[in-house]
Amino acid sequence: MKKVEAEVRKERFPEVDFALKRIGVPGLTVAEEQRAGRGMWSYPVESVKHVILTVVVDDDAVSKVVESIRGSAHTGSWGDGRIAVSTVDDAFDIGSGRSDRNELTMPALSS
């Protein structure tokens, strides 16, 4: 399993959400982000508001999810965001304490 975390412009979220629904992503976690850039490419925090999207998918669905986010979040200007993909080794149900990979996986994505 892979976790896809995407930082996208807040105003692009509706397009990204729709694109993910269109390929069959049943749900995602969304959190507003406040960040302060460092170094020569830093911009004021107020300049571009972002949200962080998190979705866990099977390995074979990663490229479809990443391309869907890239295509729908892209504006061609600075501050469009970034996508990180990491490996998920296991998932646990808090209530039962059992390991449950099914808790995070989603149905096969449509074409």
PDB file of N, CA and C in Angstrom:
ATOM      1  N   MET A   1       0.840  -1.178   0.000  1.00  0.00           N
ATOM      2  CA  MET A   1       0.000   0.000   0.000  1.00  0.00           C
ATOM      3  C   MET A   1       0.880   1.235   0.000  1.00  0.00           C
ATOM      4  N   LYS A   2       0.355   2.295  -0.547  1.00  0.00           N
ATOM      5  CA  LYS A   2       1.061   3.574  -0.598  1.00  0.00           C
ATOM      6  C   LYS A   2       0.158   4.683  -0.064  1.00  0.00           C
ATOM      7  N   LYS A   3       0.789   5.637   0.597  1.00  0.00           N
ATOM      8  CA  LYS A   3       0.088   6.838   1.034  1.00  0.00           C
ATOM      9  C   LYS A   3       0.495   7.969   0.107  1.00  0.00           C
ATOM     10  N   VAL A   4      -0.494   8.613  -0.491  1.00  0.00           N
ATOM     11  CA  VAL A   4      -0.257   9.754  -1.364  1.00  0.00           C
ATOM     12  C   VAL A   4      -0.694  10.990  -0.597  1.00  0.00           C
ATOM     13  N   GLU A   5       0.250  11.893  -0.365  1.00  0.00           N
ATOM     14  CA  GLU A   5      -0.046  13.164   0.299  1.00  0.00           C
ATOM     15  C   GLU A   5       0.217  14.277  -0.705  1.00  0.00           C
ATOM     16  N   ALA A   6      -0.781  15.106  -0.899  1.00  0.00           N
ATOM     17  CA  ALA A   6      -0.652  16.192  -1.865  1.00  0.00           C
ATOM     18  C   ALA A   6      -0.972  17.513  -1.194  1.00  0.00           C
ATOM     19  N   GLU A   7      -0.112  18.463  -1.412  1.00  0.00           N
ATOM     20  CA  GLU A   7      -0.340  19.836  -0.974  1.00  0.00           C
ATOM     21  C   GLU A   7      -0.779  20.590  -2.216  1.00  0.00           C
ATOM     22  N   VAL A   8      -2.020  21.074  -2.217  1.00  0.00           N
ATOM     23  CA  VAL A   8      -2.553  21.767  -3.398  1.00  0.00           C
ATOM     24  C   VAL A   8      -3.146  23.112  -2.989  1.00  0.00           C
ATOM     25  N   ARG A   9      -3.237  23.999  -3.967  1.00  0.00           N
ATOM     26  CA  ARG A   9      -3.859  25.296  -3.720  1.00  0.00           C
ATOM     27  C   ARG A   9      -5.294  25.083  -3.241  1.00  0.00           C
ATOM     28  N   LYS A  10      -5.679  25.847  -2.235  1.00  0.00           N
ATOM     29  CA  LYS A  10      -7.013  25.699  -1.659  1.00  0.00           C
ATOM     30  C   LYS A  10      -8.096  25.929  -2.707  1.00  0.00           C
ATOM     31  N   GLU A  11      -7.897  26.894  -3.590  1.00  0.00           N
ATOM     32  CA  GLU A  11      -8.923  27.177  -4.598  1.00  0.00           C
ATOM     33  C   GLU A  11      -9.026  26.087  -5.662  1.00  0.00           C
ATOM     34  N   ARG A  12      -8.009  25.209  -5.754  1.00  0.00           N
ATOM     35  CA  ARG A  12      -8.047  24.102  -6.719  1.00  0.00           C
ATOM     36  C   ARG A  12      -8.642  22.835  -6.107  1.00  0.00           C
ATOM     37  N   PHE A  13      -8.910  22.848  -4.797  1.00  0.00           N
ATOM     38  CA  PHE A  13      -9.413  21.641  -4.146  1.00  0.00           C
ATOM     39  C   PHE A  13     -10.682  21.077  -4.791  1.00  0.00           C
ATOM     40  N   PRO A  14     -11.688  21.889  -5.139  1.00  0.00           N
ATOM     41  CA  PRO A  14     -12.888  21.301  -5.754  1.00  0.00           C
ATOM     42  C   PRO A  14     -12.579  20.507  -7.024  1.00  0.00           C
ATOM     43  N   GLU A  15     -11.669  21.007  -7.860  1.00  0.00           N
ATOM     44  CA  GLU A  15     -11.298  20.298  -9.083  1.00  0.00           C
ATOM     45  C   GLU A  15     -10.563  18.999  -8.764  1.00  0.00           C
ATOM     46  N   VAL A  16      -9.661  19.058  -7.792  1.00  0.00           N
ATOM     47  CA  VAL A  16      -8.905  17.861  -7.400  1.00  0.00           C
ATOM     48  C   VAL A  16      -9.847  16.817  -6.813  1.00  0.00           C
ATOM     49  N   ASP A  17     -10.739  17.242  -5.945  1.00  0.00           N
ATOM     50  CA  ASP A  17     -11.701  16.328  -5.333  1.00  0.00           C
ATOM     51  C   ASP A  17     -12.562  15.655  -6.399  1.00  0.00           C
ATOM     52  N   PHE A  18     -13.056  16.434  -7.354  1.00  0.00           N
ATOM     53  CA  PHE A  18     -13.879  15.880  -8.424  1.00  0.00           C
ATOM     54  C   PHE A  18     -13.080  14.889  -9.265  1.00  0.00           C
ATOM     55  N   ALA A  19     -11.831  15.217  -9.573  1.00  0.00           N
ATOM     56  CA  ALA A  19     -10.990  14.319 -10.380  1.00  0.00           C
ATOM     57  C   ALA A  19     -10.753  12.993  -9.664  1.00  0.00           C
ATOM     58  N   LEU A  20     -10.532  13.043  -8.353  1.00  0.00           N
ATOM     59  CA  LEU A  20     -10.325  11.814  -7.587  1.00  0.00           C
ATOM     60  C   LEU A  20     -11.608  10.990  -7.503  1.00  0.00           C
ATOM     61  N   LYS A  21     -12.745  11.643  -7.341  1.00  0.00           N
ATOM     62  CA  LYS A  21     -14.026  10.923  -7.341  1.00  0.00           C
ATOM     63  C   LYS A  21     -14.263  10.255  -8.688  1.00  0.00           C
ATOM     64  N   ARG A  22     -13.901  10.950  -9.760  1.00  0.00           N
ATOM     65  CA  ARG A  22     -14.115  10.430 -11.114  1.00  0.00           C
ATOM     66  C   ARG A  22     -13.346   9.132 -11.359  1.00  0.00           C
ATOM     67  N   ILE A  23     -12.164   8.976 -10.737  1.00  0.00           N
ATOM     68  CA  ILE A  23     -11.406   7.735 -10.943  1.00  0.00           C
ATOM     69  C   ILE A  23     -11.723   6.686  -9.882  1.00  0.00           C
ATOM     70  N   GLY A  24     -12.612   7.007  -8.952  1.00  0.00           N
ATOM     71  CA  GLY A  24     -13.070   6.003  -8.004  1.00  0.00           C
ATOM     72  C   GLY A  24     -12.503   6.076  -6.609  1.00  0.00           C
ATOM     73  N   VAL A  25     -11.818   7.156  -6.259  1.00  0.00           N
ATOM     74  CA  VAL A  25     -11.315   7.311  -4.891  1.00  0.00           C
ATOM     75  C   VAL A  25     -12.513   7.644  -4.005  1.00  0.00           C
ATOM     76  N   PRO A  26     -12.871   6.737  -3.069  1.00  0.00           N
ATOM     77  CA  PRO A  26     -14.097   6.929  -2.301  1.00  0.00           C
ATOM     78  C   PRO A  26     -14.011   7.974  -1.193  1.00  0.00           C
ATOM     79  N   GLY A  27     -12.814   8.308  -0.751  1.00  0.00           N
ATOM     80  CA  GLY A  27     -12.673   9.282   0.317  1.00  0.00           C
ATOM     81  C   GLY A  27     -11.231   9.670   0.516  1.00  0.00           C
ATOM     82  N   LEU A  28     -11.035  10.774   1.200  1.00  0.00           N
ATOM     83  CA  LEU A  28      -9.690  11.238   1.478  1.00  0.00           C
ATOM     84  C   LEU A  28      -9.718  12.097   2.721  1.00  0.00           C
ATOM     85  N   THR A  29      -8.567  12.299   3.287  1.00  0.00           N
ATOM     86  CA  THR A  29      -8.428  13.179   4.438  1.00  0.00           C
ATOM     87  C   THR A  29      -7.961  14.533   3.939  1.00  0.00           C
ATOM     88  N   VAL A  30      -8.566  15.596   4.434  1.00  0.00           N
ATOM     89  CA  VAL A  30      -8.217  16.957   4.012  1.00  0.00           C
ATOM     90  C   VAL A  30      -7.898  17.783   5.247  1.00  0.00           C
ATOM     91  N   ALA A  31      -6.793  18.512   5.200  1.00  0.00           N
ATOM     92  CA  ALA A  31      -6.412  19.400   6.304  1.00  0.00           C
ATOM     93  C   ALA A  31      -5.881  20.702   5.718  1.00  0.00           C
ATOM     94  N   GLU A  32      -6.287  21.812   6.308  1.00  0.00           N
ATOM     95  CA  GLU A  32      -5.731  23.095   5.875  1.00  0.00           C
ATOM     96  C   GLU A  32      -4.304  23.205   6.375  1.00  0.00           C
ATOM     97  N   GLU A  33      -3.484  23.869   5.582  1.00  0.00           N
ATOM     98  CA  GLU A  33      -2.073  23.981   5.918  1.00  0.00           C
ATOM     99  C   GLU A  33      -1.682  25.447   6.056  1.00  0.00           C
ATOM    100  N   GLN A  34      -0.836  25.699   7.025  1.00  0.00           N
ATOM    101  CA  GLN A  34      -0.160  26.985   7.097  1.00  0.00           C
ATOM    102  C   GLN A  34       1.314  26.670   7.083  1.00  0.00           C
ATOM    103  N   ARG A  35       2.014  27.292   6.159  1.00  0.00           N
ATOM    104  CA  ARG A  35       3.433  27.014   6.094  1.00  0.00           C
ATOM    105  C   ARG A  35       4.183  28.306   5.844  1.00  0.00           C
ATOM    106  N   ALA A  36       5.410  28.289   6.246  1.00  0.00           N
ATOM    107  CA  ALA A  36       6.301  29.413   5.985  1.00  0.00           C
ATOM    108  C   ALA A  36       7.486  28.871   5.213  1.00  0.00           C
ATOM    109  N   GLY A  37       7.688  29.381   4.000  1.00  0.00           N
ATOM    110  CA  GLY A  37       8.809  28.934   3.184  1.00  0.00           C
ATOM    111  C   GLY A  37      10.122  29.436   3.753  1.00  0.00           C
ATOM    112  N   ARG A  38      11.164  28.760   3.397  1.00  0.00           N
ATOM    113  CA  ARG A  38      12.517  29.139   3.815  1.00  0.00           C
ATOM    114  C   ARG A  38      13.390  29.298   2.576  1.00  0.00           C
ATOM    115  N   GLY A  39      14.377  30.138   2.665  1.00  0.00           N
ATOM    116  CA  GLY A  39      15.330  30.265   1.570  1.00  0.00           C
ATOM    117  C   GLY A  39      14.865  31.241   0.508  1.00  0.00           C
ATOM    118  N   MET A  40      15.521  31.185  -0.639  1.00  0.00           N
ATOM    119  CA  MET A  40      15.292  32.197  -1.656  1.00  0.00           C
ATOM    120  C   MET A  40      13.931  32.099  -2.332  1.00  0.00           C
ATOM    121  N   TRP A  41      13.248  30.967  -2.252  1.00  0.00           N
ATOM    122  CA  TRP A  41      11.950  30.815  -2.901  1.00  0.00           C
ATOM    123  C   TRP A  41      10.803  30.939  -1.913  1.00  0.00           C
ATOM    124  N   SER A  42      11.022  31.572  -0.790  1.00  0.00           N
ATOM    125  CA  SER A  42       9.956  31.693   0.200  1.00  0.00           C
ATOM    126  C   SER A  42       9.020  32.850  -0.162  1.00  0.00           C
ATOM    127  N   TYR A  43       7.756  32.650   0.154  1.00  0.00           N
ATOM    128  CA  TYR A  43       6.726  33.644  -0.090  1.00  0.00           C
ATOM    129  C   TYR A  43       5.954  33.823   1.203  1.00  0.00           C
ATOM    130  N   PRO A  44       5.296  34.964   1.382  1.00  0.00           N
ATOM    131  CA  PRO A  44       4.502  35.143   2.605  1.00  0.00           C
ATOM    132  C   PRO A  44       3.437  34.054   2.733  1.00  0.00           C
ATOM    133  N   VAL A  45       3.160  33.638   3.963  1.00  0.00           N
ATOM    134  CA  VAL A  45       2.192  32.576   4.216  1.00  0.00           C
ATOM    135  C   VAL A  45       0.836  32.915   3.610  1.00  0.00           C
ATOM    136  N   GLU A  46       0.444  34.194   3.630  1.00  0.00           N
ATOM    137  CA  GLU A  46      -0.861  34.592   3.146  1.00  0.00           C
ATOM    138  C   GLU A  46      -0.982  34.522   1.628  1.00  0.00           C
ATOM    139  N   SER A  47       0.132  34.439   0.915  1.00  0.00           N
ATOM    140  CA  SER A  47       0.095  34.510  -0.544  1.00  0.00           C
ATOM    141  C   SER A  47      -0.744  33.407  -1.173  1.00  0.00           C
ATOM    142  N   VAL A  48      -0.467  32.167  -0.828  1.00  0.00           N
ATOM    143  CA  VAL A  48      -1.173  31.039  -1.431  1.00  0.00           C
ATOM    144  C   VAL A  48      -1.612  30.087  -0.330  1.00  0.00           C
ATOM    145  N   LYS A  49      -2.906  29.959  -0.134  1.00  0.00           N
ATOM    146  CA  LYS A  49      -3.433  29.015   0.853  1.00  0.00           C
ATOM    147  C   LYS A  49      -3.420  27.614   0.246  1.00  0.00           C
ATOM    148  N   HIS A  50      -3.080  26.631   1.070  1.00  0.00           N
ATOM    149  CA  HIS A  50      -3.018  25.245   0.615  1.00  0.00           C
ATOM    150  C   HIS A  50      -3.832  24.335   1.518  1.00  0.00           C
ATOM    151  N   VAL A  51      -4.196  23.188   0.976  1.00  0.00           N
ATOM    152  CA  VAL A  51      -4.759  22.103   1.764  1.00  0.00           C
ATOM    153  C   VAL A  51      -3.901  20.869   1.519  1.00  0.00           C
ATOM    154  N   ILE A  52      -3.877  19.990   2.505  1.00  0.00           N
ATOM    155  CA  ILE A  52      -3.165  18.722   2.383  1.00  0.00           C
ATOM    156  C   ILE A  52      -4.204  17.628   2.203  1.00  0.00           C
ATOM    157  N   LEU A  53      -4.060  16.855   1.147  1.00  0.00           N
ATOM    158  CA  LEU A  53      -4.933  15.722   0.869  1.00  0.00           C
ATOM    159  C   LEU A  53      -4.155  14.444   1.127  1.00  0.00           C
ATOM    160  N   THR A  54      -4.760  13.482   1.789  1.00  0.00           N
ATOM    161  CA  THR A  54      -4.113  12.200   2.045  1.00  0.00           C
ATOM    162  C   THR A  54      -5.047  11.088   1.629  1.00  0.00           C
ATOM    163  N   VAL A  55      -4.523  10.150   0.863  1.00  0.00           N
ATOM    164  CA  VAL A  55      -5.287   8.980   0.447  1.00  0.00           C
ATOM    165  C   VAL A  55      -4.335   7.785   0.431  1.00  0.00           C
ATOM    166  N   VAL A  56      -4.831   6.623   0.849  1.00  0.00           N
ATOM    167  CA  VAL A  56      -4.040   5.395   0.835  1.00  0.00           C
ATOM    168  C   VAL A  56      -4.616   4.489  -0.235  1.00  0.00           C
ATOM    169  N   VAL A  57      -3.739   4.005  -1.116  1.00  0.00           N
ATOM    170  CA  VAL A  57      -4.173   3.172  -2.236  1.00  0.00           C
ATOM    171  C   VAL A  57      -3.247   1.975  -2.388  1.00  0.00           C
ATOM    172  N   ASP A  58      -3.720   0.975  -3.121  1.00  0.00           N
ATOM    173  CA  ASP A  58      -2.861  -0.146  -3.473  1.00  0.00           C
ATOM    174  C   ASP A  58      -1.765   0.345  -4.410  1.00  0.00           C
ATOM    175  N   ASP A  59      -0.658  -0.365  -4.433  1.00  0.00           N
ATOM    176  CA  ASP A  59       0.495   0.051  -5.233  1.00  0.00           C
ATOM    177  C   ASP A  59       0.152   0.316  -6.695  1.00  0.00           C
ATOM    178  N   ASP A  60      -0.717  -0.501  -7.277  1.00  0.00           N
ATOM    179  CA  ASP A  60      -1.025  -0.354  -8.697  1.00  0.00           C
ATOM    180  C   ASP A  60      -1.893   0.866  -9.012  1.00  0.00           C
ATOM    181  N   ALA A  61      -2.459   1.521  -8.019  1.00  0.00           N
ATOM    182  CA  ALA A  61      -3.306   2.692  -8.247  1.00  0.00           C
ATOM    183  C   ALA A  61      -2.570   4.013  -8.058  1.00  0.00           C
ATOM    184  N   VAL A  62      -1.329   3.962  -7.600  1.00  0.00           N
ATOM    185  CA  VAL A  62      -0.597   5.185  -7.272  1.00  0.00           C
ATOM    186  C   VAL A  62      -0.461   6.113  -8.470  1.00  0.00           C
ATOM    187  N   SER A  63      -0.029   5.593  -9.605  1.00  0.00           N
ATOM    188  CA  SER A  63       0.215   6.475 -10.749  1.00  0.00           C
ATOM    189  C   SER A  63      -1.068   7.146 -11.214  1.00  0.00           C
ATOM    190  N   LYS A  64      -2.192   6.448 -11.169  1.00  0.00           N
ATOM    191  CA  LYS A  64      -3.473   7.030 -11.574  1.00  0.00           C
ATOM    192  C   LYS A  64      -3.884   8.153 -10.622  1.00  0.00           C
ATOM    193  N   VAL A  65      -3.682   7.952  -9.324  1.00  0.00           N
ATOM    194  CA  VAL A  65      -4.022   8.975  -8.329  1.00  0.00           C
ATOM    195  C   VAL A  65      -3.110  10.190  -8.486  1.00  0.00           C
ATOM    196  N   VAL A  66      -1.811   9.958  -8.629  1.00  0.00           N
ATOM    197  CA  VAL A  66      -0.857  11.061  -8.777  1.00  0.00           C
ATOM    198  C   VAL A  66      -1.154  11.876 -10.037  1.00  0.00           C
ATOM    199  N   GLU A  67      -1.389  11.205 -11.156  1.00  0.00           N
ATOM    200  CA  GLU A  67      -1.673  11.927 -12.398  1.00  0.00           C
ATOM    201  C   GLU A  67      -2.992  12.689 -12.316  1.00  0.00           C
ATOM    202  N   SER A  68      -3.966  12.139 -11.626  1.00  0.00           N
ATOM    203  CA  SER A  68      -5.245  12.822 -11.451  1.00  0.00           C
ATOM    204  C   SER A  68      -5.058  14.105 -10.645  1.00  0.00           C
ATOM    205  N   ILE A  69      -4.278  14.024  -9.578  1.00  0.00           N
ATOM    206  CA  ILE A  69      -4.016  15.211  -8.758  1.00  0.00           C
ATOM    207  C   ILE A  69      -3.211  16.228  -9.554  1.00  0.00           C
ATOM    208  N   ARG A  70      -2.152  15.774 -10.214  1.00  0.00           N
ATOM    209  CA  ARG A  70      -1.309  16.704 -10.985  1.00  0.00           C
ATOM    210  C   ARG A  70      -2.108  17.436 -12.046  1.00  0.00           C
ATOM    211  N   GLY A  71      -2.930  16.713 -12.765  1.00  0.00           N
ATOM    212  CA  GLY A  71      -3.701  17.328 -13.844  1.00  0.00           C
ATOM    213  C   GLY A  71      -4.735  18.324 -13.352  1.00  0.00           C
ATOM    214  N   SER A  72      -5.365  18.028 -12.235  1.00  0.00           N
ATOM    215  CA  SER A  72      -6.438  18.898 -11.742  1.00  0.00           C
ATOM    216  C   SER A  72      -5.934  20.037 -10.860  1.00  0.00           C
ATOM    217  N   ALA A  73      -4.745  19.910 -10.285  1.00  0.00           N
ATOM    218  CA  ALA A  73      -4.215  20.951  -9.399  1.00  0.00           C
ATOM    219  C   ALA A  73      -3.307  21.940 -10.122  1.00  0.00           C
ATOM    220  N   HIS A  74      -2.860  21.598 -11.302  1.00  0.00           N
ATOM    221  CA  HIS A  74      -1.877  22.405 -12.037  1.00  0.00           C
ATOM    222  C   HIS A  74      -2.457  23.732 -12.521  1.00  0.00           C
ATOM    223  N   THR A  75      -1.751  24.821 -12.195  1.00  0.00           N
ATOM    224  CA  THR A  75      -2.116  26.135 -12.734  1.00  0.00           C
ATOM    225  C   THR A  75      -0.983  26.710 -13.570  1.00  0.00           C
ATOM    226  N   GLY A  76       0.212  26.156 -13.425  1.00  0.00           N
ATOM    227  CA  GLY A  76       1.352  26.643 -14.187  1.00  0.00           C
ATOM    228  C   GLY A  76       2.101  27.779 -13.520  1.00  0.00           C
ATOM    229  N   SER A  77       1.739  28.120 -12.304  1.00  0.00           N
ATOM    230  CA  SER A  77       2.445  29.196 -11.617  1.00  0.00           C
ATOM    231  C   SER A  77       3.054  28.683 -10.317  1.00  0.00           C
ATOM    232  N   TRP A  78       3.874  29.512  -9.691  1.00  0.00           N
ATOM    233  CA  TRP A  78       4.524  29.096  -8.450  1.00  0.00           C
ATOM    234  C   TRP A  78       3.466  28.800  -7.395  1.00  0.00           C
ATOM    235  N   GLY A  79       3.791  27.896  -6.508  1.00  0.00           N
ATOM    236  CA  GLY A  79       2.899  27.597  -5.402  1.00  0.00           C
ATOM    237  C   GLY A  79       1.808  26.595  -5.720  1.00  0.00           C
ATOM    238  N   ASP A  80       1.920  25.862  -6.837  1.00  0.00           N
ATOM    239  CA  ASP A  80       0.908  24.859  -7.163  1.00  0.00           C
ATOM    240  C   ASP A  80       0.875  23.727  -6.143  1.00  0.00           C
ATOM    241  N   GLY A  81       1.988  23.463  -5.486  1.00  0.00           N
ATOM    242  CA  GLY A  81       2.015  22.433  -4.452  1.00  0.00           C
ATOM    243  C   GLY A  81       2.984  21.323  -4.767  1.00  0.00           C
ATOM    244  N   ARG A  82       2.802  20.202  -4.079  1.00  0.00           N
ATOM    245  CA  ARG A  82       3.690  19.054  -4.266  1.00  0.00           C
ATOM    246  C   ARG A  82       2.957  17.783  -3.860  1.00  0.00           C
ATOM    247  N   ILE A  83       3.490  16.661  -4.314  1.00  0.00           N
ATOM    248  CA  ILE A  83       2.924  15.353  -4.006  1.00  0.00           C
ATOM    249  C   ILE A  83       4.030  14.472  -3.462  1.00  0.00           C
ATOM    250  N   ALA A  84       3.751  13.773  -2.377  1.00  0.00           N
ATOM    251  CA  ALA A  84       4.706  12.814  -1.806  1.00  0.00           C
ATOM    252  C   ALA A  84       4.020  11.452  -1.726  1.00  0.00           C
ATOM    253  N   VAL A  85       4.774  10.414  -2.073  1.00  0.00           N
ATOM    254  CA  VAL A  85       4.267   9.046  -2.004  1.00  0.00           C
ATOM    255  C   VAL A  85       5.162   8.266  -1.058  1.00  0.00           C
ATOM    256  N   SER A  86       4.550   7.578  -0.096  1.00  0.00           N
ATOM    257  CA  SER A  86       5.319   6.778   0.849  1.00  0.00           C
ATOM    258  C   SER A  86       4.655   5.424   1.049  1.00  0.00           C
ATOM    259  N   THR A  87       5.418   4.493   1.560  1.00  0.00           N
ATOM    260  CA  THR A  87       4.933   3.137   1.780  1.00  0.00           C
ATOM    261  C   THR A  87       4.196   3.034   3.106  1.00  0.00           C
ATOM    262  N   VAL A  88       3.083   2.321   3.102  1.00  0.00           N
ATOM    263  CA  VAL A  88       2.322   2.037   4.317  1.00  0.00           C
ATOM    264  C   VAL A  88       2.505   0.555   4.607  1.00  0.00           C
ATOM    265  N   ASP A  89       3.118   0.245   5.734  1.00  0.00           N
ATOM    266  CA  ASP A  89       3.381  -1.143   6.082  1.00  0.00           C
ATOM    267  C   ASP A  89       2.186  -1.836   6.700  1.00  0.00           C
ATOM    268  N   ASP A  90       1.397  -1.118   7.456  1.00  0.00           N
ATOM    269  CA  ASP A  90       0.282  -1.739   8.149  1.00  0.00           C
ATOM    270  C   ASP A  90      -0.693  -0.671   8.595  1.00  0.00           C
ATOM    271  N   ALA A  91      -1.893  -1.109   8.961  1.00  0.00           N
ATOM    272  CA  ALA A  91      -2.919  -0.221   9.493  1.00  0.00           C
ATOM    273  C   ALA A  91      -3.583  -0.934  10.658  1.00  0.00           C
ATOM    274  N   PHE A  92      -3.967  -0.177  11.661  1.00  0.00           N
ATOM    275  CA  PHE A  92      -4.574  -0.764  12.855  1.00  0.00           C
ATOM    276  C   PHE A  92      -5.903  -0.102  13.141  1.00  0.00           C
ATOM    277  N   ASP A  93      -6.871  -0.897  13.531  1.00  0.00           N
ATOM    278  CA  ASP A  93      -8.150  -0.399  13.988  1.00  0.00           C
ATOM    279  C   ASP A  93      -7.982   0.017  15.449  1.00  0.00           C
ATOM    280  N   ILE A  94      -8.269   1.246  15.765  1.00  0.00           N
ATOM    281  CA  ILE A  94      -8.059   1.746  17.129  1.00  0.00           C
ATOM    282  C   ILE A  94      -8.961   1.033  18.124  1.00  0.00           C
ATOM    283  N   GLY A  95     -10.226   0.836  17.769  1.00  0.00           N
ATOM    284  CA  GLY A  95     -11.177   0.213  18.689  1.00  0.00           C
ATOM    285  C   GLY A  95     -10.819  -1.206  19.074  1.00  0.00           C
ATOM    286  N   SER A  96     -10.498  -2.028  18.061  1.00  0.00           N
ATOM    287  CA  SER A  96     -10.212  -3.435  18.338  1.00  0.00           C
ATOM    288  C   SER A  96      -8.734  -3.695  18.572  1.00  0.00           C
ATOM    289  N   GLY A  97      -7.885  -2.796  18.085  1.00  0.00           N
ATOM    290  CA  GLY A  97      -6.447  -3.003  18.209  1.00  0.00           C
ATOM    291  C   GLY A  97      -5.883  -3.966  17.182  1.00  0.00           C
ATOM    292  N   ARG A  98      -6.744  -4.489  16.303  1.00  0.00           N
ATOM    293  CA  ARG A  98      -6.289  -5.454  15.306  1.00  0.00           C
ATOM    294  C   ARG A  98      -5.656  -4.762  14.105  1.00  0.00           C
ATOM    295  N   SER A  99      -4.720  -5.480  13.501  1.00  0.00           N
ATOM    296  CA  SER A  99      -4.150  -5.023  12.247  1.00  0.00           C
ATOM    297  C   SER A  99      -5.192  -5.236  11.164  1.00  0.00           C
ATOM    298  N   ASP A 100      -5.478  -4.195  10.389  1.00  0.00           N
ATOM    299  CA  ASP A 100      -6.533  -4.300   9.394  1.00  0.00           C
ATOM    300  C   ASP A 100      -6.185  -3.469   8.165  1.00  0.00           C
ATOM    301  N   ARG A 101      -5.502  -4.089   7.198  1.00  0.00           N
ATOM    302  CA  ARG A 101      -5.146  -3.386   5.963  1.00  0.00           C
ATOM    303  C   ARG A 101      -6.395  -2.950   5.200  1.00  0.00           C
ATOM    304  N   ASN A 102      -7.484  -3.680   5.340  1.00  0.00           N
ATOM    305  CA  ASN A 102      -8.717  -3.332   4.644  1.00  0.00           C
ATOM    306  C   ASN A 102      -9.267  -1.986   5.102  1.00  0.00           C
ATOM    307  N   GLU A 103      -8.850  -1.555   6.269  1.00  0.00           N
ATOM    308  CA  GLU A 103      -9.295  -0.268   6.810  1.00  0.00           C
ATOM    309  C   GLU A 103      -8.827   0.877   5.921  1.00  0.00           C
ATOM    310  N   LEU A 104      -7.697   0.696   5.231  1.00  0.00           N
ATOM    311  CA  LEU A 104      -7.132   1.772   4.428  1.00  0.00           C
ATOM    312  C   LEU A 104      -7.270   1.587   2.936  1.00  0.00           C
ATOM    313  N   THR A 105      -7.437   0.365   2.484  1.00  0.00           N
ATOM    314  CA  THR A 105      -7.478   0.157   1.041  1.00  0.00           C
ATOM    315  C   THR A 105      -8.819   0.548   0.485  1.00  0.00           C
ATOM    316  N   MET A 106      -8.838   0.799  -0.806  1.00  0.00           N
ATOM    317  CA  MET A 106     -10.060   1.207  -1.463  1.00  0.00           C
ATOM    318  C   MET A 106     -10.333   0.279  -2.616  1.00  0.00           C
ATOM    319  N   PRO A 107     -11.541   0.319  -3.158  1.00  0.00           N
ATOM    320  CA  PRO A 107     -11.859  -0.549  -4.279  1.00  0.00           C
ATOM    321  C   PRO A 107     -11.009  -0.220  -5.486  1.00  0.00           C
ATOM    322  N   ALA A 108     -10.949  -1.130  -6.438  1.00  0.00           N
ATOM    323  CA  ALA A 108     -10.169  -0.912  -7.651  1.00  0.00           C
ATOM    324  C   ALA A 108     -10.641   0.367  -8.340  1.00  0.00           C
ATOM    325  N   LEU A 109      -9.669   1.156  -8.805  1.00  0.00           N
ATOM    326  CA  LEU A 109     -10.008   2.412  -9.464  1.00  0.00           C
ATOM    327  C   LEU A 109     -10.498   2.161 -10.870  1.00  0.00           C
ATOM    328  N   SER A 110     -11.422   2.999 -11.326  1.00  0.00           N
ATOM    329  CA  SER A 110     -11.921   2.881 -12.693  1.00  0.00           C
ATOM    330  C   SER A 110     -10.946   3.529 -13.655  1.00  0.00           C
ATOM    331  N   SER A 111     -11.085   3.209 -14.897  1.00  0.00           N
ATOM    332  CA  SER A 111     -10.169   3.732 -15.926  1.00  0.00           C
ATOM    333  C   SER A 111     -10.465   5.150 -16.287  1.00  0.00           C
TER     334      SER A 111
END
